[in-house]
Amino acid sequence: MKKIIFSILSLAIVAMLFTSCEKSYDDFMTGNVEVGGLVLPLSSFPYKLGGTTTFDVTVDIPKGPGIVSVEVYKTYTDKAEILDQTIDVASANAEGALTKTLVYDYVALIDGLGMPADESELLIGDGWTLSYYAIMEDGRSVLSSGKTTISVANFFAGEYISHVIYHHPSIGVYPNDVYVDANYSKTLVATNANTCMTYMSTWADTPMTITINANNSLSVDWDGRSDVNFGDPNDPSVVSHYDPVTGIIYLYYNYSGSGGFRIFSEVFTPVVE
């Protein structure tokens, strides 16, 4: 008897949940039909300082009630929102879905916002927000729930595979004194426009900051250690540098200890998604 009662009660609960979900779905659909003005913009884009020239923001407009135009407003961190531009639609979406493309560069992004002409002055993590208002045939202005965030990002921050070769004199004589020869997944976290933080060699608890200079040379701080130096004492031909074409960072460093030099070759290859 308890099993039968439980089964009937379970069915009743399922029926109530189904009815509730069905009603919510109907209300959602009815609301969209009444309001119209659906706009689906690109949701986010990383603006990489020193690495972004121009980029596209796509705005998809599904088939539906005619939209005369879409007003695009923009703002930046701590800046007031202003009208950026107006997209002409002319109710073409009443016949079928369409896509509009907006092209931006730094000059266009800062226009009217009173921002510095030098993008390197921007702070990592700040950014722009684009909002979209669909102007309907009956004169209504419908704010889209979708927005576009354009975040200020460091040009080389991201995910990398770090190939570490670590020579240690306790293993033998250079170049056969290889203590570590392995790949590591590392994240380079931006701290400003041209500096990222990661960790040194195989030691996840030892911070290391890498700065890429204008001439693609590197400046590195090995957790404040003054005993660490650039290069390989046994191979003066290797030079630490950044390759702007491939995005690969070549880092060679060493320090002296009991028995001789500890020598590191660390090559960071960006992970392409």
C-alpha atoms as a PDB file:
ATOM      1  CA  MET A   1       0.000   0.000   0.000  1.00  0.00           C
ATOM      2  CA  LYS A   2       2.854   2.378   0.851  1.00  0.00           C
ATOM      3  CA  LYS A   3       4.450   1.707  -2.530  1.00  0.00           C
ATOM      4  CA  ILE A   4       1.185   2.496  -4.371  1.00  0.00           C
ATOM      5  CA  ILE A   5       0.663   5.725  -2.444  1.00  0.00           C
ATOM      6  CA  PHE A   6       4.274   6.729  -3.107  1.00  0.00           C
ATOM      7  CA  SER A   7       3.881   6.053  -6.834  1.00  0.00           C
ATOM      8  CA  ILE A   8       0.695   8.111  -7.100  1.00  0.00           C
ATOM      9  CA  LEU A   9       2.310  10.952  -5.167  1.00  0.00           C
ATOM     10  CA  SER A  10       5.398  10.827  -7.400  1.00  0.00           C
ATOM     11  CA  LEU A  11       3.264  11.001 -10.552  1.00  0.00           C
ATOM     12  CA  ALA A  12       1.368  13.957  -9.129  1.00  0.00           C
ATOM     13  CA  ILE A  13       4.623  15.808  -8.420  1.00  0.00           C
ATOM     14  CA  VAL A  14       5.960  15.064 -11.917  1.00  0.00           C
ATOM     15  CA  ALA A  15       2.705  16.294 -13.450  1.00  0.00           C
ATOM     16  CA  MET A  16       2.882  19.501 -11.410  1.00  0.00           C
ATOM     17  CA  LEU A  17       6.506  20.089 -12.461  1.00  0.00           C
ATOM     18  CA  PHE A  18       5.710  19.428 -16.110  1.00  0.00           C
ATOM     19  CA  THR A  19       2.723  21.789 -16.013  1.00  0.00           C
ATOM     20  CA  SER A  20       4.833  24.458 -14.329  1.00  0.00           C
ATOM     21  CA  CYS A  21       7.646  24.126 -16.891  1.00  0.00           C
ATOM     22  CA  GLU A  22       5.182  24.127 -19.768  1.00  0.00           C
ATOM     23  CA  LYS A  23       3.526  27.314 -18.511  1.00  0.00           C
ATOM     24  CA  SER A  24       6.862  29.086 -18.104  1.00  0.00           C
ATOM     25  CA  TYR A  25       7.826  28.128 -21.643  1.00  0.00           C
ATOM     26  CA  ASP A  26       4.511  29.423 -23.044  1.00  0.00           C
ATOM     27  CA  ASP A  27       4.850  32.671 -21.143  1.00  0.00           C
ATOM     28  CA  PHE A  28       8.415  33.113 -22.415  1.00  0.00           C
ATOM     29  CA  MET A  29       7.331  32.559 -26.005  1.00  0.00           C
ATOM     30  CA  THR A  30       4.330  34.849 -25.679  1.00  0.00           C
ATOM     31  CA  GLY A  31       6.524  37.571 -24.202  1.00  0.00           C
ATOM     32  CA  ASN A  32       8.952  37.383 -27.101  1.00  0.00           C
ATOM     33  CA  VAL A  33       6.150  37.552 -29.663  1.00  0.00           C
ATOM     34  CA  GLU A  34       4.672  40.620 -27.990  1.00  0.00           C
ATOM     35  CA  VAL A  35       7.936  42.441 -27.481  1.00  0.00           C
ATOM     36  CA  GLY A  36      10.031  41.523 -30.546  1.00  0.00           C
ATOM     37  CA  GLY A  37      13.374  43.202 -31.153  1.00  0.00           C
ATOM     38  CA  LEU A  38      15.540  40.128 -30.547  1.00  0.00           C
ATOM     39  CA  VAL A  39      19.235  40.909 -31.151  1.00  0.00           C
ATOM     40  CA  LEU A  40      22.072  38.396 -30.619  1.00  0.00           C
ATOM     41  CA  PRO A  41      25.480  40.127 -30.517  1.00  0.00           C
ATOM     42  CA  LEU A  42      28.997  38.775 -30.047  1.00  0.00           C
ATOM     43  CA  SER A  43      29.213  38.300 -26.278  1.00  0.00           C
ATOM     44  CA  SER A  44      32.897  38.987 -25.580  1.00  0.00           C
ATOM     45  CA  PHE A  45      36.247  39.847 -27.127  1.00  0.00           C
ATOM     46  CA  PRO A  46      39.739  40.223 -25.558  1.00  0.00           C
ATOM     47  CA  TYR A  47      41.391  43.479 -26.621  1.00  0.00           C
ATOM     48  CA  LYS A  48      45.085  42.547 -26.449  1.00  0.00           C
ATOM     49  CA  LEU A  49      47.201  45.626 -25.837  1.00  0.00           C
ATOM     50  CA  GLY A  50      49.807  45.962 -28.541  1.00  0.00           C
ATOM     51  CA  GLY A  51      48.358  42.983 -30.371  1.00  0.00           C
ATOM     52  CA  THR A  52      44.945  44.127 -31.629  1.00  0.00           C
ATOM     53  CA  THR A  53      44.573  46.256 -34.762  1.00  0.00           C
ATOM     54  CA  THR A  54      40.977  45.861 -35.930  1.00  0.00           C
ATOM     55  CA  PHE A  55      38.301  43.328 -35.039  1.00  0.00           C
ATOM     56  CA  ASP A  56      34.692  42.536 -35.948  1.00  0.00           C
ATOM     57  CA  VAL A  57      31.634  42.514 -33.713  1.00  0.00           C
ATOM     58  CA  THR A  58      28.828  40.493 -35.288  1.00  0.00           C
ATOM     59  CA  VAL A  59      25.181  41.185 -34.501  1.00  0.00           C
ATOM     60  CA  ASP A  60      22.713  38.438 -35.483  1.00  0.00           C
ATOM     61  CA  ILE A  61      19.096  39.514 -35.925  1.00  0.00           C
ATOM     62  CA  PRO A  62      16.672  36.560 -36.169  1.00  0.00           C
ATOM     63  CA  LYS A  63      13.526  36.616 -38.268  1.00  0.00           C
ATOM     64  CA  GLY A  64      10.715  38.339 -36.389  1.00  0.00           C
ATOM     65  CA  PRO A  65       8.798  41.603 -35.961  1.00  0.00           C
ATOM     66  CA  GLY A  66      10.342  44.305 -38.123  1.00  0.00           C
ATOM     67  CA  ILE A  67      13.256  46.237 -36.642  1.00  0.00           C
ATOM     68  CA  VAL A  68      13.873  49.636 -38.205  1.00  0.00           C
ATOM     69  CA  SER A  69      17.335  50.082 -36.698  1.00  0.00           C
ATOM     70  CA  VAL A  70      19.577  49.052 -33.819  1.00  0.00           C
ATOM     71  CA  GLU A  71      21.162  51.755 -31.692  1.00  0.00           C
ATOM     72  CA  VAL A  72      24.531  50.717 -30.276  1.00  0.00           C
ATOM     73  CA  TYR A  73      25.595  52.368 -27.020  1.00  0.00           C
ATOM     74  CA  LYS A  74      29.044  52.033 -25.509  1.00  0.00           C
ATOM     75  CA  THR A  75      30.725  52.696 -22.216  1.00  0.00           C
ATOM     76  CA  TYR A  76      34.086  52.037 -20.619  1.00  0.00           C
ATOM     77  CA  THR A  77      34.973  51.318 -17.011  1.00  0.00           C
ATOM     78  CA  ASP A  78      33.951  54.396 -14.961  1.00  0.00           C
ATOM     79  CA  LYS A  79      32.758  56.250 -18.091  1.00  0.00           C
ATOM     80  CA  ALA A  80      29.216  57.387 -18.883  1.00  0.00           C
ATOM     81  CA  GLU A  81      27.346  55.503 -21.632  1.00  0.00           C
ATOM     82  CA  ILE A  82      27.070  57.250 -25.009  1.00  0.00           C
ATOM     83  CA  LEU A  83      25.485  56.473 -28.379  1.00  0.00           C
ATOM     84  CA  ASP A  84      28.180  54.900 -30.534  1.00  0.00           C
ATOM     85  CA  GLN A  85      26.396  54.225 -33.840  1.00  0.00           C
ATOM     86  CA  THR A  86      23.120  53.167 -35.442  1.00  0.00           C
ATOM     87  CA  ILE A  87      22.711  50.014 -37.522  1.00  0.00           C
ATOM     88  CA  ASP A  88      20.174  50.318 -40.338  1.00  0.00           C
ATOM     89  CA  VAL A  89      17.912  47.249 -40.559  1.00  0.00           C
ATOM     90  CA  ALA A  90      14.877  48.672 -42.421  1.00  0.00           C
ATOM     91  CA  SER A  91      12.696  45.779 -41.188  1.00  0.00           C
ATOM     92  CA  ALA A  92      14.617  43.306 -43.372  1.00  0.00           C
ATOM     93  CA  ASN A  93      14.483  40.801 -40.513  1.00  0.00           C
ATOM     94  CA  ALA A  94      10.715  40.447 -41.093  1.00  0.00           C
ATOM     95  CA  GLU A  95      11.621  38.437 -44.220  1.00  0.00           C
ATOM     96  CA  GLY A  96      14.499  36.447 -42.761  1.00  0.00           C
ATOM     97  CA  ALA A  97      17.413  36.408 -40.348  1.00  0.00           C
ATOM     98  CA  LEU A  98      20.369  38.646 -41.080  1.00  0.00           C
ATOM     99  CA  THR A  99      23.801  39.484 -39.661  1.00  0.00           C
ATOM    100  CA  LYS A 100      25.357  42.905 -39.325  1.00  0.00           C
ATOM    101  CA  THR A 101      29.084  43.403 -38.766  1.00  0.00           C
ATOM    102  CA  LEU A 102      30.654  46.291 -36.868  1.00  0.00           C
ATOM    103  CA  VAL A 103      34.365  46.964 -37.362  1.00  0.00           C
ATOM    104  CA  TYR A 104      36.322  48.476 -34.479  1.00  0.00           C
ATOM    105  CA  ASP A 105      39.845  49.633 -33.786  1.00  0.00           C
ATOM    106  CA  TYR A 106      41.232  51.538 -30.805  1.00  0.00           C
ATOM    107  CA  VAL A 107      40.389  54.956 -32.263  1.00  0.00           C
ATOM    108  CA  ALA A 108      36.764  53.911 -32.790  1.00  0.00           C
ATOM    109  CA  LEU A 109      36.495  52.381 -29.329  1.00  0.00           C
ATOM    110  CA  ILE A 110      37.661  55.500 -27.483  1.00  0.00           C
ATOM    111  CA  ASP A 111      35.822  58.015 -29.681  1.00  0.00           C
ATOM    112  CA  GLY A 112      33.697  60.289 -27.492  1.00  0.00           C
ATOM    113  CA  LEU A 113      34.737  58.675 -24.207  1.00  0.00           C
ATOM    114  CA  GLY A 114      37.601  61.003 -23.276  1.00  0.00           C
ATOM    115  CA  MET A 115      40.181  58.216 -23.060  1.00  0.00           C
ATOM    116  CA  PRO A 116      43.991  58.243 -23.523  1.00  0.00           C
ATOM    117  CA  ALA A 117      45.309  58.071 -27.082  1.00  0.00           C
ATOM    118  CA  ASP A 118      48.006  55.621 -25.916  1.00  0.00           C
ATOM    119  CA  GLU A 119      46.367  52.252 -25.289  1.00  0.00           C
ATOM    120  CA  SER A 120      49.273  51.110 -23.104  1.00  0.00           C
ATOM    121  CA  GLU A 121      47.909  53.389 -20.374  1.00  0.00           C
ATOM    122  CA  LEU A 122      44.805  51.202 -19.980  1.00  0.00           C
ATOM    123  CA  LEU A 123      44.495  48.846 -17.038  1.00  0.00           C
ATOM    124  CA  ILE A 124      44.268  45.086 -17.473  1.00  0.00           C
ATOM    125  CA  GLY A 125      40.763  43.897 -16.630  1.00  0.00           C
ATOM    126  CA  ASP A 126      39.013  47.161 -17.519  1.00  0.00           C
ATOM    127  CA  GLY A 127      37.011  47.304 -20.733  1.00  0.00           C
ATOM    128  CA  TRP A 128      34.169  48.455 -22.934  1.00  0.00           C
ATOM    129  CA  THR A 129      30.544  47.327 -22.944  1.00  0.00           C
ATOM    130  CA  LEU A 130      28.302  47.586 -25.991  1.00  0.00           C
ATOM    131  CA  SER A 131      24.521  47.624 -25.441  1.00  0.00           C
ATOM    132  CA  TYR A 132      21.904  47.251 -28.165  1.00  0.00           C
ATOM    133  CA  TYR A 133      18.472  48.878 -28.474  1.00  0.00           C
ATOM    134  CA  ALA A 134      16.162  47.647 -31.231  1.00  0.00           C
ATOM    135  CA  ILE A 135      13.959  50.415 -32.603  1.00  0.00           C
ATOM    136  CA  MET A 136      10.668  48.815 -33.672  1.00  0.00           C
ATOM    137  CA  GLU A 137       8.263  49.869 -36.436  1.00  0.00           C
ATOM    138  CA  ASP A 138       5.804  51.134 -33.832  1.00  0.00           C
ATOM    139  CA  GLY A 139       8.484  53.387 -32.312  1.00  0.00           C
ATOM    140  CA  ARG A 140       9.288  51.240 -29.279  1.00  0.00           C
ATOM    141  CA  SER A 141      12.905  50.931 -28.127  1.00  0.00           C
ATOM    142  CA  VAL A 142      13.652  47.395 -26.911  1.00  0.00           C
ATOM    143  CA  LEU A 143      16.857  46.804 -24.942  1.00  0.00           C
ATOM    144  CA  SER A 144      18.561  43.536 -25.858  1.00  0.00           C
ATOM    145  CA  SER A 145      19.543  41.301 -22.962  1.00  0.00           C
ATOM    146  CA  GLY A 146      22.695  40.445 -24.904  1.00  0.00           C
ATOM    147  CA  LYS A 147      25.703  42.745 -24.545  1.00  0.00           C
ATOM    148  CA  THR A 148      29.252  42.738 -25.874  1.00  0.00           C
ATOM    149  CA  THR A 149      32.119  43.023 -23.411  1.00  0.00           C
ATOM    150  CA  ILE A 150      35.527  44.010 -24.782  1.00  0.00           C
ATOM    151  CA  SER A 151      38.080  43.360 -22.054  1.00  0.00           C
ATOM    152  CA  VAL A 152      41.543  44.893 -21.944  1.00  0.00           C
ATOM    153  CA  ALA A 153      44.012  42.018 -22.053  1.00  0.00           C
ATOM    154  CA  ASN A 154      47.761  41.573 -22.173  1.00  0.00           C
ATOM    155  CA  PHE A 155      48.918  40.610 -25.673  1.00  0.00           C
ATOM    156  CA  PHE A 156      50.705  37.431 -24.589  1.00  0.00           C
ATOM    157  CA  ALA A 157      48.712  36.301 -21.550  1.00  0.00           C
ATOM    158  CA  GLY A 158      47.118  32.868 -21.825  1.00  0.00           C
ATOM    159  CA  GLU A 159      47.771  29.138 -21.786  1.00  0.00           C
ATOM    160  CA  TYR A 160      51.152  27.707 -22.782  1.00  0.00           C
ATOM    161  CA  ILE A 161      53.059  24.444 -22.948  1.00  0.00           C
ATOM    162  CA  SER A 162      56.416  25.030 -21.273  1.00  0.00           C
ATOM    163  CA  HIS A 163      59.218  22.684 -22.349  1.00  0.00           C
ATOM    164  CA  VAL A 164      61.754  22.711 -19.528  1.00  0.00           C
ATOM    165  CA  ILE A 165      65.270  21.295 -19.799  1.00  0.00           C
ATOM    166  CA  TYR A 166      67.054  21.529 -16.454  1.00  0.00           C
ATOM    167  CA  HIS A 167      70.760  20.709 -16.197  1.00  0.00           C
ATOM    168  CA  HIS A 168      72.142  19.835 -12.745  1.00  0.00           C
ATOM    169  CA  PRO A 169      75.784  18.958 -11.976  1.00  0.00           C
ATOM    170  CA  SER A 170      74.776  16.145  -9.610  1.00  0.00           C
ATOM    171  CA  ILE A 171      73.668  14.125 -12.650  1.00  0.00           C
ATOM    172  CA  GLY A 172      76.942  14.316 -14.555  1.00  0.00           C
ATOM    173  CA  VAL A 173      78.815  16.611 -16.916  1.00  0.00           C
ATOM    174  CA  TYR A 174      77.159  19.176 -19.207  1.00  0.00           C
ATOM    175  CA  PRO A 175      75.434  18.659 -21.643  1.00  0.00           C
ATOM    176  CA  ASN A 176      74.498  15.182 -20.387  1.00  0.00           C
ATOM    177  CA  ASP A 177      73.608  16.401 -16.872  1.00  0.00           C
ATOM    178  CA  VAL A 178      69.885  16.590 -17.668  1.00  0.00           C
ATOM    179  CA  TYR A 179      67.866  16.515 -14.456  1.00  0.00           C
ATOM    180  CA  VAL A 180      64.498  17.394 -16.066  1.00  0.00           C
ATOM    181  CA  ASP A 181      63.333  17.261 -19.690  1.00  0.00           C
ATOM    182  CA  ALA A 182      59.547  17.581 -19.653  1.00  0.00           C
ATOM    183  CA  ASN A 183      56.502  19.593 -20.718  1.00  0.00           C
ATOM    184  CA  TYR A 184      54.326  21.548 -18.286  1.00  0.00           C
ATOM    185  CA  SER A 185      50.993  23.296 -18.761  1.00  0.00           C
ATOM    186  CA  LYS A 186      51.426  26.872 -17.557  1.00  0.00           C
ATOM    187  CA  THR A 187      49.176  29.917 -17.429  1.00  0.00           C
ATOM    188  CA  LEU A 188      50.738  33.332 -17.994  1.00  0.00           C
ATOM    189  CA  VAL A 189      48.656  35.793 -15.981  1.00  0.00           C
ATOM    190  CA  ALA A 190      48.752  39.457 -17.024  1.00  0.00           C
ATOM    191  CA  THR A 191      49.838  42.029 -14.438  1.00  0.00           C
ATOM    192  CA  ASN A 192      50.113  44.967 -16.863  1.00  0.00           C
ATOM    193  CA  ALA A 193      50.295  45.687 -20.591  1.00  0.00           C
ATOM    194  CA  ASN A 194      53.569  43.833 -21.210  1.00  0.00           C
ATOM    195  CA  THR A 195      54.182  41.704 -18.102  1.00  0.00           C
ATOM    196  CA  CYS A 196      52.874  38.290 -17.054  1.00  0.00           C
ATOM    197  CA  MET A 197      53.364  36.124 -14.006  1.00  0.00           C
ATOM    198  CA  THR A 198      53.920  32.364 -14.006  1.00  0.00           C
ATOM    199  CA  TYR A 199      56.240  30.074 -12.049  1.00  0.00           C
ATOM    200  CA  MET A 200      59.906  29.234 -12.389  1.00  0.00           C
ATOM    201  CA  SER A 201      60.958  26.000 -14.092  1.00  0.00           C
ATOM    202  CA  THR A 202      59.279  23.051 -12.331  1.00  0.00           C
ATOM    203  CA  TRP A 203      58.627  24.881  -9.060  1.00  0.00           C
ATOM    204  CA  ALA A 204      54.948  25.824  -8.913  1.00  0.00           C
ATOM    205  CA  ASP A 205      55.498  27.645  -5.598  1.00  0.00           C
ATOM    206  CA  THR A 206      58.175  29.986  -6.995  1.00  0.00           C
ATOM    207  CA  PRO A 207      56.735  32.984  -8.900  1.00  0.00           C
ATOM    208  CA  MET A 208      58.436  34.359 -11.989  1.00  0.00           C
ATOM    209  CA  THR A 209      57.452  37.502 -13.905  1.00  0.00           C
ATOM    210  CA  ILE A 210      58.225  37.924 -17.606  1.00  0.00           C
ATOM    211  CA  THR A 211      58.225  41.302 -19.336  1.00  0.00           C
ATOM    212  CA  ILE A 212      58.374  41.516 -23.126  1.00  0.00           C
ATOM    213  CA  ASN A 213      60.141  44.696 -24.192  1.00  0.00           C
ATOM    214  CA  ALA A 214      59.467  46.742 -27.328  1.00  0.00           C
ATOM    215  CA  ASN A 215      62.416  45.097 -29.138  1.00  0.00           C
ATOM    216  CA  ASN A 216      61.125  41.587 -28.179  1.00  0.00           C
ATOM    217  CA  SER A 217      63.867  41.085 -25.594  1.00  0.00           C
ATOM    218  CA  LEU A 218      62.871  39.826 -22.139  1.00  0.00           C
ATOM    219  CA  SER A 219      63.154  41.241 -18.646  1.00  0.00           C
ATOM    220  CA  VAL A 220      62.578  38.616 -15.967  1.00  0.00           C
ATOM    221  CA  ASP A 221      62.289  38.612 -12.201  1.00  0.00           C
ATOM    222  CA  TRP A 222      62.879  35.208 -10.623  1.00  0.00           C
ATOM    223  CA  ASP A 223      61.016  35.762  -7.338  1.00  0.00           C
ATOM    224  CA  GLY A 224      63.429  38.533  -6.402  1.00  0.00           C
ATOM    225  CA  ARG A 225      66.453  36.235  -6.587  1.00  0.00           C
ATOM    226  CA  SER A 226      69.601  38.201  -7.437  1.00  0.00           C
ATOM    227  CA  ASP A 227      71.659  35.057  -8.068  1.00  0.00           C
ATOM    228  CA  VAL A 228      69.743  34.064 -11.229  1.00  0.00           C
ATOM    229  CA  ASN A 229      71.158  35.288 -14.549  1.00  0.00           C
ATOM    230  CA  PHE A 230      70.193  35.130 -18.218  1.00  0.00           C
ATOM    231  CA  GLY A 231      71.813  32.661 -20.565  1.00  0.00           C
ATOM    232  CA  ASP A 232      73.614  29.343 -20.607  1.00  0.00           C
ATOM    233  CA  PRO A 233      77.239  29.630 -19.340  1.00  0.00           C
ATOM    234  CA  ASN A 234      78.210  26.749 -21.633  1.00  0.00           C
ATOM    235  CA  ASP A 235      76.420  28.052 -24.732  1.00  0.00           C
ATOM    236  CA  PRO A 236      76.637  31.843 -25.236  1.00  0.00           C
ATOM    237  CA  SER A 237      74.728  31.567 -28.530  1.00  0.00           C
ATOM    238  CA  VAL A 238      71.324  31.196 -26.822  1.00  0.00           C
ATOM    239  CA  VAL A 239      69.522  34.478 -26.206  1.00  0.00           C
ATOM    240  CA  SER A 240      66.233  34.885 -24.368  1.00  0.00           C
ATOM    241  CA  HIS A 241      63.615  36.531 -26.577  1.00  0.00           C
ATOM    242  CA  TYR A 242      60.001  36.633 -27.780  1.00  0.00           C
ATOM    243  CA  ASP A 243      59.047  35.667 -31.343  1.00  0.00           C
ATOM    244  CA  PRO A 244      56.099  37.902 -32.330  1.00  0.00           C
ATOM    245  CA  VAL A 245      55.331  35.742 -35.389  1.00  0.00           C
ATOM    246  CA  THR A 246      54.864  32.447 -33.556  1.00  0.00           C
ATOM    247  CA  GLY A 247      54.127  33.835 -30.085  1.00  0.00           C
ATOM    248  CA  ILE A 248      56.826  31.546 -28.628  1.00  0.00           C
ATOM    249  CA  ILE A 249      58.882  32.751 -25.657  1.00  0.00           C
ATOM    250  CA  TYR A 250      62.471  31.475 -25.414  1.00  0.00           C
ATOM    251  CA  LEU A 251      63.920  31.795 -21.928  1.00  0.00           C
ATOM    252  CA  TYR A 252      67.414  30.707 -20.845  1.00  0.00           C
ATOM    253  CA  TYR A 253      68.711  31.239 -17.321  1.00  0.00           C
ATOM    254  CA  ASN A 254      71.060  29.847 -14.683  1.00  0.00           C
ATOM    255  CA  TYR A 255      72.400  30.130 -11.177  1.00  0.00           C
ATOM    256  CA  SER A 256      75.489  28.783  -9.464  1.00  0.00           C
ATOM    257  CA  GLY A 257      75.417  26.275  -6.621  1.00  0.00           C
ATOM    258  CA  SER A 258      77.399  23.470  -5.046  1.00  0.00           C
ATOM    259  CA  GLY A 259      79.220  21.577  -7.782  1.00  0.00           C
ATOM    260  CA  GLY A 260      78.529  24.071 -10.566  1.00  0.00           C
ATOM    261  CA  PHE A 261      75.782  25.760 -12.531  1.00  0.00           C
ATOM    262  CA  ARG A 262      72.094  24.918 -12.573  1.00  0.00           C
ATOM    263  CA  ILE A 263      71.074  25.711 -16.155  1.00  0.00           C
ATOM    264  CA  PHE A 264      67.547  26.083 -17.506  1.00  0.00           C
ATOM    265  CA  SER A 265      66.071  26.199 -20.978  1.00  0.00           C
ATOM    266  CA  GLU A 266      62.373  27.028 -20.901  1.00  0.00           C
ATOM    267  CA  VAL A 267      60.404  27.422 -24.149  1.00  0.00           C
ATOM    268  CA  PHE A 268      56.802  28.628 -23.877  1.00  0.00           C
ATOM    269  CA  THR A 269      54.583  27.639 -26.819  1.00  0.00           C
ATOM    270  CA  PRO A 270      51.073  29.171 -26.832  1.00  0.00           C
ATOM    271  CA  VAL A 271      48.151  26.758 -26.783  1.00  0.00           C
ATOM    272  CA  VAL A 272      45.952  27.433 -29.811  1.00  0.00           C
ATOM    273  CA  GLU A 273      42.255  26.791 -29.115  1.00  0.00           C
END
